[in-house]
């Protein structure tokens, strides 16, 4: 039994720098992943969207590796997000996949099968993190939408509203930039066994359904941000209109006083 654990430790990991300074070269690489195979049936995948996946590692080994990897992270998370699964190989003809474990026949290519499982567990952990970000965004916008419902306006300063909109846009951009993590790896295209494994793991982790829900909630947030931006522009326009009206009134009063003084 090979225990697998994915941990989202940061928003991003600088793979190029990590690879250059890590003590061992990776067994395989891609633009977004470094895959390492060590002695004693241990494996690690490091993903540039901030997730590290361990297979066959104990807690101490995971902690040591994460401590080193944090030197190459952007925006380390205070509270990491984790996902666990397990994999084993057995002398059987057909693979068996369950909610917490997959059992594969021994004819599966071992390292590639392990990589596929680790990839899907990483994707699930990444989605957990993005779902958390979306929940934060929706919670943040809910306070202002309730103000609109109850008061017909938003009671917040221009500066604070712009800071809020900026924060929400940064989160949204972070999610959009990393949605490519759901792409299938090239290795599954020519291998029916790996294609079956990848497809069924996506079903087990509800990857595609969760992505659709994430995309739907992103659109809600985007609509809210558009509304807040429009309200801010309307507020600024109304403010400028009152300034113009005030200036015109001053000119009119000045002219009237001028006429009075002449008489």
C-alpha atoms as a PDB file:
ATOM      1  CA  UNK A   1       0.000   0.000   0.000  1.00  0.00           C
ATOM      2  CA  UNK A   2       1.430   3.345  -1.072  1.00  0.00           C
ATOM      3  CA  UNK A   3       0.059   6.281   0.926  1.00  0.00           C
ATOM      4  CA  UNK A   4      -0.288   9.461  -1.138  1.00  0.00           C
ATOM      5  CA  UNK A   5      -0.746  12.954   0.272  1.00  0.00           C
ATOM      6  CA  UNK A   6      -1.028  16.247  -1.598  1.00  0.00           C
ATOM      7  CA  UNK A   7      -0.389  19.508   0.250  1.00  0.00           C
ATOM      8  CA  UNK A   8      -1.092  22.980  -1.110  1.00  0.00           C
ATOM      9  CA  UNK A   9       1.630  24.949   0.687  1.00  0.00           C
ATOM     10  CA  UNK A  10       1.677  28.198  -1.339  1.00  0.00           C
ATOM     11  CA  UNK A  11       0.157  30.053  -4.257  1.00  0.00           C
ATOM     12  CA  UNK A  12       3.126  29.107  -6.447  1.00  0.00           C
ATOM     13  CA  UNK A  13       6.475  27.303  -6.404  1.00  0.00           C
ATOM     14  CA  UNK A  14       9.421  28.465  -8.520  1.00  0.00           C
ATOM     15  CA  UNK A  15      10.247  25.158 -10.204  1.00  0.00           C
ATOM     16  CA  UNK A  16      13.282  26.326 -12.159  1.00  0.00           C
ATOM     17  CA  UNK A  17      15.061  27.600  -9.076  1.00  0.00           C
ATOM     18  CA  UNK A  18      13.964  24.625  -6.993  1.00  0.00           C
ATOM     19  CA  UNK A  19      15.287  22.173  -9.565  1.00  0.00           C
ATOM     20  CA  UNK A  20      18.624  23.983  -9.817  1.00  0.00           C
ATOM     21  CA  UNK A  21      19.236  23.942  -6.068  1.00  0.00           C
ATOM     22  CA  UNK A  22      17.721  20.597  -5.048  1.00  0.00           C
ATOM     23  CA  UNK A  23      20.237  17.832  -4.313  1.00  0.00           C
ATOM     24  CA  UNK A  24      18.877  15.334  -6.869  1.00  0.00           C
ATOM     25  CA  UNK A  25      17.748  15.762 -10.486  1.00  0.00           C
ATOM     26  CA  UNK A  26      14.090  14.918 -11.205  1.00  0.00           C
ATOM     27  CA  UNK A  27      13.201  11.687 -12.934  1.00  0.00           C
ATOM     28  CA  UNK A  28      10.887  13.590 -15.266  1.00  0.00           C
ATOM     29  CA  UNK A  29       9.859  17.188 -15.815  1.00  0.00           C
ATOM     30  CA  UNK A  30       7.247  19.297 -17.552  1.00  0.00           C
ATOM     31  CA  UNK A  31       6.502  22.997 -17.643  1.00  0.00           C
ATOM     32  CA  UNK A  32       4.479  22.699 -14.450  1.00  0.00           C
ATOM     33  CA  UNK A  33       5.810  19.635 -12.590  1.00  0.00           C
ATOM     34  CA  UNK A  34       8.967  18.019 -11.216  1.00  0.00           C
ATOM     35  CA  UNK A  35       8.707  14.293 -10.477  1.00  0.00           C
ATOM     36  CA  UNK A  36      11.252  12.621  -8.183  1.00  0.00           C
ATOM     37  CA  UNK A  37      11.724   8.917  -7.424  1.00  0.00           C
ATOM     38  CA  UNK A  38      13.773   8.005  -4.351  1.00  0.00           C
ATOM     39  CA  UNK A  39      14.904   4.816  -2.668  1.00  0.00           C
ATOM     40  CA  UNK A  40      12.538   2.806  -0.449  1.00  0.00           C
ATOM     41  CA  UNK A  41       9.624   3.275  -2.833  1.00  0.00           C
ATOM     42  CA  UNK A  42       9.235   7.005  -2.175  1.00  0.00           C
ATOM     43  CA  UNK A  43       8.084   9.594  -4.719  1.00  0.00           C
ATOM     44  CA  UNK A  44       7.513  13.351  -4.787  1.00  0.00           C
ATOM     45  CA  UNK A  45       5.821  15.591  -7.333  1.00  0.00           C
ATOM     46  CA  UNK A  46       6.283  19.357  -7.090  1.00  0.00           C
ATOM     47  CA  UNK A  47       3.772  21.492  -9.003  1.00  0.00           C
ATOM     48  CA  UNK A  48       4.230  25.134  -9.889  1.00  0.00           C
ATOM     49  CA  UNK A  49       0.734  26.022  -8.635  1.00  0.00           C
ATOM     50  CA  UNK A  50       1.909  25.456  -5.055  1.00  0.00           C
ATOM     51  CA  UNK A  51       1.150  21.773  -4.452  1.00  0.00           C
ATOM     52  CA  UNK A  52       3.591  19.060  -3.336  1.00  0.00           C
ATOM     53  CA  UNK A  53       2.509  15.412  -3.488  1.00  0.00           C
ATOM     54  CA  UNK A  54       4.204  12.700  -1.433  1.00  0.00           C
ATOM     55  CA  UNK A  55       3.972   8.952  -1.996  1.00  0.00           C
ATOM     56  CA  UNK A  56       5.443   6.559   0.553  1.00  0.00           C
ATOM     57  CA  UNK A  57       6.629   9.360   2.871  1.00  0.00           C
ATOM     58  CA  UNK A  58       6.183   9.570   6.642  1.00  0.00           C
ATOM     59  CA  UNK A  59       5.233  12.819   8.400  1.00  0.00           C
ATOM     60  CA  UNK A  60       8.830  13.689   9.274  1.00  0.00           C
ATOM     61  CA  UNK A  61      10.004  13.251   5.693  1.00  0.00           C
ATOM     62  CA  UNK A  62       7.130  15.383   4.429  1.00  0.00           C
ATOM     63  CA  UNK A  63       7.893  18.145   6.931  1.00  0.00           C
ATOM     64  CA  UNK A  64      11.580  18.239   5.985  1.00  0.00           C
ATOM     65  CA  UNK A  65      10.790  18.436   2.273  1.00  0.00           C
ATOM     66  CA  UNK A  66       8.128  21.124   2.744  1.00  0.00           C
ATOM     67  CA  UNK A  67      10.496  23.176   4.901  1.00  0.00           C
ATOM     68  CA  UNK A  68      13.066  23.141   2.096  1.00  0.00           C
ATOM     69  CA  UNK A  69      10.474  23.855  -0.621  1.00  0.00           C
ATOM     70  CA  UNK A  70       9.159  26.946   1.172  1.00  0.00           C
ATOM     71  CA  UNK A  71      12.385  28.717   0.197  1.00  0.00           C
ATOM     72  CA  UNK A  72      11.105  28.685  -3.400  1.00  0.00           C
ATOM     73  CA  UNK A  73       7.463  29.572  -2.747  1.00  0.00           C
ATOM     74  CA  UNK A  74       5.410  32.659  -3.473  1.00  0.00           C
ATOM     75  CA  UNK A  75       2.891  33.542  -0.756  1.00  0.00           C
ATOM     76  CA  UNK A  76       3.164  30.581   1.622  1.00  0.00           C
ATOM     77  CA  UNK A  77      -0.239  29.640   3.065  1.00  0.00           C
ATOM     78  CA  UNK A  78      -0.775  29.938   6.803  1.00  0.00           C
ATOM     79  CA  UNK A  79      -3.077  26.924   6.691  1.00  0.00           C
ATOM     80  CA  UNK A  80      -2.141  24.345   4.007  1.00  0.00           C
ATOM     81  CA  UNK A  81      -4.801  22.344   2.173  1.00  0.00           C
ATOM     82  CA  UNK A  82      -4.307  18.577   1.996  1.00  0.00           C
ATOM     83  CA  UNK A  83      -5.788  15.602   0.141  1.00  0.00           C
ATOM     84  CA  UNK A  84      -4.995  11.930   0.813  1.00  0.00           C
ATOM     85  CA  UNK A  85      -5.352   8.746  -1.196  1.00  0.00           C
ATOM     86  CA  UNK A  86      -3.651   5.356  -1.499  1.00  0.00           C
ATOM     87  CA  UNK A  87      -2.418   3.092  -4.285  1.00  0.00           C
ATOM     88  CA  UNK A  88      -1.401  -0.533  -4.443  1.00  0.00           C
ATOM     89  CA  UNK A  89      -0.474  -3.110  -7.103  1.00  0.00           C
ATOM     90  CA  UNK A  90      -1.826  -6.658  -6.967  1.00  0.00           C
ATOM     91  CA  UNK A  91      -1.690  -9.833  -9.126  1.00  0.00           C
ATOM     92  CA  UNK A  92      -5.119  -9.330 -10.654  1.00  0.00           C
ATOM     93  CA  UNK A  93      -6.411  -8.773 -14.156  1.00  0.00           C
ATOM     94  CA  UNK A  94      -8.693  -5.790 -13.673  1.00  0.00           C
ATOM     95  CA  UNK A  95      -8.059  -2.512 -11.833  1.00  0.00           C
ATOM     96  CA  UNK A  96     -10.261  -1.577  -8.905  1.00  0.00           C
ATOM     97  CA  UNK A  97     -10.853   2.019  -7.967  1.00  0.00           C
ATOM     98  CA  UNK A  98     -12.574   3.177  -4.784  1.00  0.00           C
ATOM     99  CA  UNK A  99     -13.175   6.447  -2.951  1.00  0.00           C
ATOM    100  CA  UNK A 100     -10.033   6.137  -0.842  1.00  0.00           C
ATOM    101  CA  UNK A 101      -7.889   3.627  -2.723  1.00  0.00           C
ATOM    102  CA  UNK A 102      -7.016   2.300  -6.169  1.00  0.00           C
ATOM    103  CA  UNK A 103      -5.706  -1.230  -6.742  1.00  0.00           C
ATOM    104  CA  UNK A 104      -3.961  -1.751 -10.074  1.00  0.00           C
ATOM    105  CA  UNK A 105      -2.869  -4.917 -11.869  1.00  0.00           C
ATOM    106  CA  UNK A 106       0.863  -5.450 -11.978  1.00  0.00           C
ATOM    107  CA  UNK A 107       0.961  -4.964 -15.754  1.00  0.00           C
ATOM    108  CA  UNK A 108       0.403  -1.209 -15.258  1.00  0.00           C
ATOM    109  CA  UNK A 109       3.587   0.807 -15.744  1.00  0.00           C
ATOM    110  CA  UNK A 110       4.423   1.530 -12.112  1.00  0.00           C
ATOM    111  CA  UNK A 111       6.024   4.984 -12.165  1.00  0.00           C
ATOM    112  CA  UNK A 112       3.615   6.355 -14.730  1.00  0.00           C
ATOM    113  CA  UNK A 113       0.600   5.021 -12.839  1.00  0.00           C
ATOM    114  CA  UNK A 114       1.934   6.567  -9.636  1.00  0.00           C
ATOM    115  CA  UNK A 115       2.390   9.891 -11.436  1.00  0.00           C
ATOM    116  CA  UNK A 116      -1.212   9.823 -12.673  1.00  0.00           C
ATOM    117  CA  UNK A 117      -2.565   9.153  -9.200  1.00  0.00           C
ATOM    118  CA  UNK A 118      -0.358  11.853  -7.686  1.00  0.00           C
ATOM    119  CA  UNK A 119      -1.444  14.315 -10.376  1.00  0.00           C
ATOM    120  CA  UNK A 120      -5.146  13.783  -9.680  1.00  0.00           C
ATOM    121  CA  UNK A 121      -4.678  14.060  -5.925  1.00  0.00           C
ATOM    122  CA  UNK A 122      -2.753  17.306  -6.562  1.00  0.00           C
ATOM    123  CA  UNK A 123      -5.565  18.639  -8.750  1.00  0.00           C
ATOM    124  CA  UNK A 124      -8.096  17.856  -6.034  1.00  0.00           C
ATOM    125  CA  UNK A 125      -6.006  19.651  -3.396  1.00  0.00           C
ATOM    126  CA  UNK A 126      -5.612  22.625  -5.745  1.00  0.00           C
ATOM    127  CA  UNK A 127      -9.364  22.767  -6.294  1.00  0.00           C
ATOM    128  CA  UNK A 128      -9.902  22.693  -2.516  1.00  0.00           C
ATOM    129  CA  UNK A 129      -7.742  25.789  -2.257  1.00  0.00           C
ATOM    130  CA  UNK A 130      -9.468  27.597  -5.117  1.00  0.00           C
ATOM    131  CA  UNK A 131     -12.887  26.696  -3.700  1.00  0.00           C
ATOM    132  CA  UNK A 132     -11.781  28.250  -0.412  1.00  0.00           C
ATOM    133  CA  UNK A 133     -10.710  31.429  -2.228  1.00  0.00           C
ATOM    134  CA  UNK A 134     -14.045  31.624  -4.042  1.00  0.00           C
ATOM    135  CA  UNK A 135     -15.911  31.168  -0.751  1.00  0.00           C
ATOM    136  CA  UNK A 136     -13.914  34.083   0.695  1.00  0.00           C
ATOM    137  CA  UNK A 137     -14.762  36.214  -2.329  1.00  0.00           C
ATOM    138  CA  UNK A 138     -18.469  35.425  -2.136  1.00  0.00           C
ATOM    139  CA  UNK A 139     -18.505  36.090   1.606  1.00  0.00           C
ATOM    140  CA  UNK A 140     -16.790  39.418   1.023  1.00  0.00           C
ATOM    141  CA  UNK A 141     -19.235  40.504  -1.659  1.00  0.00           C
ATOM    142  CA  UNK A 142     -22.236  39.314   0.381  1.00  0.00           C
ATOM    143  CA  UNK A 143     -21.744  42.080   2.964  1.00  0.00           C
ATOM    144  CA  UNK A 144     -22.001  44.735   0.262  1.00  0.00           C
ATOM    145  CA  UNK A 145     -24.923  43.119  -1.564  1.00  0.00           C
ATOM    146  CA  UNK A 146     -26.835  43.030   1.744  1.00  0.00           C
ATOM    147  CA  UNK A 147     -26.165  46.743   2.154  1.00  0.00           C
ATOM    148  CA  UNK A 148     -27.582  47.304  -1.317  1.00  0.00           C
ATOM    149  CA  UNK A 149     -30.670  45.282  -0.417  1.00  0.00           C
ATOM    150  CA  UNK A 150     -31.291  47.029   2.890  1.00  0.00           C
ATOM    151  CA  UNK A 151     -30.037  50.566   2.227  1.00  0.00           C
ATOM    152  CA  UNK A 152     -30.039  50.945  -1.539  1.00  0.00           C
ATOM    153  CA  UNK A 153     -26.380  51.947  -1.451  1.00  0.00           C
ATOM    154  CA  UNK A 154     -22.944  50.773  -0.302  1.00  0.00           C
ATOM    155  CA  UNK A 155     -21.566  52.489   2.800  1.00  0.00           C
ATOM    156  CA  UNK A 156     -17.852  52.290   2.161  1.00  0.00           C
ATOM    157  CA  UNK A 157     -15.170  54.789   1.226  1.00  0.00           C
ATOM    158  CA  UNK A 158     -13.803  54.943  -2.295  1.00  0.00           C
ATOM    159  CA  UNK A 159     -10.366  53.809  -1.092  1.00  0.00           C
ATOM    160  CA  UNK A 160     -11.678  50.796   0.811  1.00  0.00           C
ATOM    161  CA  UNK A 161     -13.965  49.776  -2.053  1.00  0.00           C
ATOM    162  CA  UNK A 162     -11.085  49.987  -4.531  1.00  0.00           C
ATOM    163  CA  UNK A 163      -8.886  47.929  -2.182  1.00  0.00           C
ATOM    164  CA  UNK A 164     -11.644  45.316  -1.930  1.00  0.00           C
ATOM    165  CA  UNK A 165     -12.113  45.197  -5.704  1.00  0.00           C
ATOM    166  CA  UNK A 166      -8.325  44.903  -6.169  1.00  0.00           C
ATOM    167  CA  UNK A 167      -8.118  42.026  -3.709  1.00  0.00           C
ATOM    168  CA  UNK A 168     -10.973  40.198  -5.408  1.00  0.00           C
ATOM    169  CA  UNK A 169      -9.442  40.702  -8.858  1.00  0.00           C
ATOM    170  CA  UNK A 170      -6.079  39.349  -7.653  1.00  0.00           C
ATOM    171  CA  UNK A 171      -7.751  36.220  -6.297  1.00  0.00           C
ATOM    172  CA  UNK A 172      -9.774  35.803  -9.483  1.00  0.00           C
ATOM    173  CA  UNK A 173      -6.680  36.180 -11.661  1.00  0.00           C
ATOM    174  CA  UNK A 174      -4.777  33.660  -9.526  1.00  0.00           C
ATOM    175  CA  UNK A 175      -7.525  31.110 -10.041  1.00  0.00           C
ATOM    176  CA  UNK A 176      -7.871  31.751 -13.773  1.00  0.00           C
ATOM    177  CA  UNK A 177      -4.099  31.600 -14.299  1.00  0.00           C
ATOM    178  CA  UNK A 178      -3.933  28.137 -12.724  1.00  0.00           C
ATOM    179  CA  UNK A 179      -7.004  26.442 -14.175  1.00  0.00           C
ATOM    180  CA  UNK A 180      -4.720  24.728 -16.697  1.00  0.00           C
ATOM    181  CA  UNK A 181      -3.923  22.250 -13.884  1.00  0.00           C
ATOM    182  CA  UNK A 182      -6.984  20.325 -15.030  1.00  0.00           C
ATOM    183  CA  UNK A 183      -5.400  19.478 -18.378  1.00  0.00           C
ATOM    184  CA  UNK A 184      -4.731  15.779 -18.993  1.00  0.00           C
ATOM    185  CA  UNK A 185      -1.046  14.759 -19.105  1.00  0.00           C
ATOM    186  CA  UNK A 186       0.364  13.734 -22.474  1.00  0.00           C
ATOM    187  CA  UNK A 187       1.223  10.232 -21.229  1.00  0.00           C
ATOM    188  CA  UNK A 188      -2.443   9.187 -21.141  1.00  0.00           C
ATOM    189  CA  UNK A 189      -3.025   9.817 -24.839  1.00  0.00           C
ATOM    190  CA  UNK A 190      -1.281   6.675 -26.091  1.00  0.00           C
ATOM    191  CA  UNK A 191      -1.797   4.333 -23.141  1.00  0.00           C
ATOM    192  CA  UNK A 192      -5.323   2.904 -22.618  1.00  0.00           C
ATOM    193  CA  UNK A 193      -4.497   1.780 -19.061  1.00  0.00           C
ATOM    194  CA  UNK A 194      -3.330   5.227 -17.997  1.00  0.00           C
ATOM    195  CA  UNK A 195      -6.225   6.891 -19.816  1.00  0.00           C
ATOM    196  CA  UNK A 196      -8.684   4.663 -17.914  1.00  0.00           C
ATOM    197  CA  UNK A 197      -6.946   5.407 -14.615  1.00  0.00           C
ATOM    198  CA  UNK A 198      -6.895   9.159 -15.206  1.00  0.00           C
ATOM    199  CA  UNK A 199     -10.533   9.289 -16.313  1.00  0.00           C
ATOM    200  CA  UNK A 200     -11.814   7.269 -13.353  1.00  0.00           C
ATOM    201  CA  UNK A 201      -9.765   9.199 -10.814  1.00  0.00           C
ATOM    202  CA  UNK A 202     -11.267  12.410 -12.166  1.00  0.00           C
ATOM    203  CA  UNK A 203     -14.688  10.887 -11.497  1.00  0.00           C
ATOM    204  CA  UNK A 204     -13.732   9.794  -7.980  1.00  0.00           C
ATOM    205  CA  UNK A 205     -12.480  13.263  -7.061  1.00  0.00           C
ATOM    206  CA  UNK A 206     -15.332  15.004  -8.965  1.00  0.00           C
ATOM    207  CA  UNK A 207     -12.685  17.088 -10.747  1.00  0.00           C
ATOM    208  CA  UNK A 208     -14.805  18.199 -13.697  1.00  0.00           C
ATOM    209  CA  UNK A 209     -17.973  18.802 -11.646  1.00  0.00           C
ATOM    210  CA  UNK A 210     -16.030  20.874  -9.126  1.00  0.00           C
ATOM    211  CA  UNK A 211     -14.402  22.827 -11.949  1.00  0.00           C
ATOM    212  CA  UNK A 212     -17.813  23.652 -13.439  1.00  0.00           C
ATOM    213  CA  UNK A 213     -19.052  24.806 -10.039  1.00  0.00           C
ATOM    214  CA  UNK A 214     -15.891  26.882  -9.587  1.00  0.00           C
ATOM    215  CA  UNK A 215     -16.364  28.468 -13.000  1.00  0.00           C
ATOM    216  CA  UNK A 216     -20.025  29.248 -12.205  1.00  0.00           C
ATOM    217  CA  UNK A 217     -19.146  30.912  -8.902  1.00  0.00           C
ATOM    218  CA  UNK A 218     -16.319  32.839 -10.580  1.00  0.00           C
ATOM    219  CA  UNK A 219     -18.894  34.354 -12.933  1.00  0.00           C
ATOM    220  CA  UNK A 220     -21.035  35.376  -9.952  1.00  0.00           C
ATOM    221  CA  UNK A 221     -18.052  37.105  -8.379  1.00  0.00           C
ATOM    222  CA  UNK A 222     -17.206  38.780 -11.683  1.00  0.00           C
ATOM    223  CA  UNK A 223     -20.777  40.099 -11.976  1.00  0.00           C
ATOM    224  CA  UNK A 224     -20.578  41.455  -8.417  1.00  0.00           C
ATOM    225  CA  UNK A 225     -17.273  43.177  -9.117  1.00  0.00           C
ATOM    226  CA  UNK A 226     -18.718  44.739 -12.267  1.00  0.00           C
ATOM    227  CA  UNK A 227     -21.675  46.017 -10.235  1.00  0.00           C
ATOM    228  CA  UNK A 228     -19.426  47.490  -7.557  1.00  0.00           C
ATOM    229  CA  UNK A 229     -17.256  49.173 -10.206  1.00  0.00           C
ATOM    230  CA  UNK A 230     -20.341  50.677 -11.855  1.00  0.00           C
ATOM    231  CA  UNK A 231     -21.610  51.929  -8.503  1.00  0.00           C
ATOM    232  CA  UNK A 232     -18.236  53.497  -7.801  1.00  0.00           C
ATOM    233  CA  UNK A 233     -18.221  55.230 -11.194  1.00  0.00           C
ATOM    234  CA  UNK A 234     -21.797  56.422 -10.654  1.00  0.00           C
ATOM    235  CA  UNK A 235     -20.848  57.767  -7.213  1.00  0.00           C
ATOM    236  CA  UNK A 236     -17.863  59.607  -8.709  1.00  0.00           C
ATOM    237  CA  UNK A 237     -20.009  61.010 -11.525  1.00  0.00           C
ATOM    238  CA  UNK A 238     -22.658  62.193  -9.073  1.00  0.00           C
ATOM    239  CA  UNK A 239     -19.954  63.764  -6.899  1.00  0.00           C
ATOM    240  CA  UNK A 240     -18.526  65.648  -9.888  1.00  0.00           C
ATOM    241  CA  UNK A 241     -22.004  66.759 -10.922  1.00  0.00           C
ATOM    242  CA  UNK A 242     -22.603  68.266  -7.483  1.00  0.00           C
ATOM    243  CA  UNK A 243     -19.237  70.030  -7.676  1.00  0.00           C
ATOM    244  CA  UNK A 244     -20.207  71.518 -11.067  1.00  0.00           C
ATOM    245  CA  UNK A 245     -23.614  72.560  -9.709  1.00  0.00           C
ATOM    246  CA  UNK A 246     -21.917  74.173  -6.712  1.00  0.00           C
ATOM    247  CA  UNK A 247     -19.497  76.073  -8.928  1.00  0.00           C
ATOM    248  CA  UNK A 248     -22.333  77.305 -11.144  1.00  0.00           C
ATOM    249  CA  UNK A 249     -24.298  78.379  -8.070  1.00  0.00           C
ATOM    250  CA  UNK A 250     -21.291  80.302  -6.777  1.00  0.00           C
ATOM    251  CA  UNK A 251     -20.947  82.073 -10.128  1.00  0.00           C
ATOM    252  CA  UNK A 252     -24.647  82.962 -10.147  1.00  0.00           C
ATOM    253  CA  UNK A 253     -24.502  84.291  -6.578  1.00  0.00           C
ATOM    254  CA  UNK A 254     -21.356  86.229  -7.384  1.00  0.00           C
ATOM    255  CA  UNK A 255     -23.070  87.798 -10.379  1.00  0.00           C
ATOM    256  CA  UNK A 256     -26.161  88.701  -8.297  1.00  0.00           C
ATOM    257  CA  UNK A 257     -24.063  90.283  -5.574  1.00  0.00           C
ATOM    258  CA  UNK A 258     -22.166  92.180  -8.233  1.00  0.00           C
ATOM    259  CA  UNK A 259     -25.420  93.589  -9.640  1.00  0.00           C
ATOM    260  CA  UNK A 260     -26.657  94.522  -6.158  1.00  0.00           C
ATOM    261  CA  UNK A 261     -23.445  96.353  -5.379  1.00  0.00           C
ATOM    262  CA  UNK A 262     -23.773  98.395  -8.579  1.00  0.00           C
ATOM    263  CA  UNK A 263     -27.222  99.551  -7.521  1.00  0.00           C
END
